[in-house]
């Protein structure tokens, strides 16, 4: 982690850009916006980073697991079709 300092003019422009994005429904932090701008500039210059490794915990599907609830059905993974489609052994 490193710290960068920007002048007042560019800090004001950064705040304005974040406000604009937020009003359009794209809430983003300064840190995330700067990271996105750097990645976009790298791509535009043909210098894509080859080692981009994302943590599985950053994946939306992984985050969604926090919202999973317990149904209390012990063999749910085996009976999912039967329960969803009321097959009762039929296809």
Protein backbone atom coordinates (compact mmCIF):
# COMPACT_ATOMS: atom_id res chain seq x y z
CA UNK A 1 0.00 0.00 0.00
CA UNK A 2 1.31 3.42 -0.84
CA UNK A 3 0.02 6.93 -0.47
CA UNK A 4 -0.23 9.46 -3.24
CA UNK A 5 -0.78 13.16 -2.89
CA UNK A 6 -2.77 15.14 -5.42
CA UNK A 7 -3.21 18.85 -5.68
CA UNK A 8 -6.45 20.59 -4.70
CA UNK A 9 -7.58 21.04 -8.31
CA UNK A 10 -7.38 17.33 -9.11
CA UNK A 11 -8.83 16.34 -5.73
CA UNK A 12 -11.82 18.55 -6.52
CA UNK A 13 -12.14 16.94 -9.97
CA UNK A 14 -11.92 13.47 -8.40
CA UNK A 15 -14.67 14.33 -5.91
CA UNK A 16 -16.81 15.72 -8.74
CA UNK A 17 -16.33 12.53 -10.78
CA UNK A 18 -17.24 10.33 -7.82
CA UNK A 19 -20.34 12.44 -7.14
CA UNK A 20 -21.35 12.16 -10.79
CA UNK A 21 -20.91 8.37 -10.79
CA UNK A 22 -22.83 8.07 -7.52
CA UNK A 23 -25.74 10.07 -8.94
CA UNK A 24 -25.81 7.66 -11.89
CA UNK A 25 -26.09 4.75 -9.46
CA UNK A 26 -22.43 3.66 -9.54
CA UNK A 27 -21.23 4.14 -5.98
CA UNK A 28 -17.44 3.80 -5.88
CA UNK A 29 -14.68 4.78 -3.47
CA UNK A 30 -11.74 6.98 -4.43
CA UNK A 31 -9.41 4.00 -4.06
CA UNK A 32 -11.52 1.79 -6.35
CA UNK A 33 -12.00 4.54 -8.92
CA UNK A 34 -8.28 5.25 -9.14
CA UNK A 35 -7.57 1.52 -9.45
CA UNK A 36 -10.13 1.27 -12.29
CA UNK A 37 -8.67 4.31 -14.06
CA UNK A 38 -5.16 2.83 -13.86
CA UNK A 39 -6.34 -0.55 -15.21
CA UNK A 40 -8.26 1.15 -18.06
CA UNK A 41 -5.21 3.24 -18.97
CA UNK A 42 -3.01 0.12 -18.98
CA UNK A 43 -5.45 -1.62 -21.30
CA UNK A 44 -5.69 1.42 -23.59
CA UNK A 45 -1.89 1.46 -23.87
CA UNK A 46 -1.75 -2.26 -24.59
CA UNK A 47 -0.04 -2.99 -21.30
CA UNK A 48 -2.56 -5.32 -19.75
CA UNK A 49 -1.43 -6.80 -16.47
CA UNK A 50 -1.08 -10.53 -16.94
CA UNK A 51 -1.02 -11.44 -13.26
CA UNK A 52 -4.38 -10.09 -12.20
CA UNK A 53 -5.47 -12.43 -9.47
CA UNK A 54 -8.77 -11.85 -7.81
CA UNK A 55 -9.63 -13.35 -4.50
CA UNK A 56 -12.58 -15.71 -4.55
CA UNK A 57 -13.98 -13.72 -1.65
CA UNK A 58 -14.33 -10.73 -4.03
CA UNK A 59 -16.61 -12.75 -6.32
CA UNK A 60 -20.29 -11.75 -6.11
CA UNK A 61 -21.36 -15.39 -6.01
CA UNK A 62 -19.13 -16.00 -3.00
CA UNK A 63 -20.47 -12.88 -1.26
CA UNK A 64 -24.00 -14.13 -1.93
CA UNK A 65 -23.34 -17.17 0.22
CA UNK A 66 -23.75 -14.91 3.24
CA UNK A 67 -27.42 -14.59 2.27
CA UNK A 68 -28.03 -18.35 2.10
CA UNK A 69 -30.48 -19.68 4.64
CA UNK A 70 -30.99 -23.11 6.12
CA UNK A 71 -34.08 -24.97 4.88
CA UNK A 72 -33.75 -27.87 7.29
CA UNK A 73 -33.89 -30.52 4.54
CA UNK A 74 -31.10 -33.02 5.18
CA UNK A 75 -30.91 -34.54 1.68
CA UNK A 76 -31.66 -31.34 -0.25
CA UNK A 77 -28.79 -31.82 -2.71
CA UNK A 78 -30.18 -35.26 -3.63
CA UNK A 79 -33.83 -34.22 -3.78
CA UNK A 80 -33.55 -30.78 -5.40
CA UNK A 81 -35.30 -31.78 -8.67
CA UNK A 82 -38.05 -33.59 -6.82
CA UNK A 83 -38.65 -30.60 -4.56
CA UNK A 84 -38.43 -27.96 -7.28
CA UNK A 85 -40.32 -29.74 -10.03
CA UNK A 86 -42.48 -32.14 -7.97
CA UNK A 87 -41.19 -35.09 -10.03
CA UNK A 88 -41.59 -37.82 -7.40
CA UNK A 89 -39.37 -40.19 -9.40
CA UNK A 90 -40.83 -39.16 -12.78
CA UNK A 91 -38.91 -37.43 -15.57
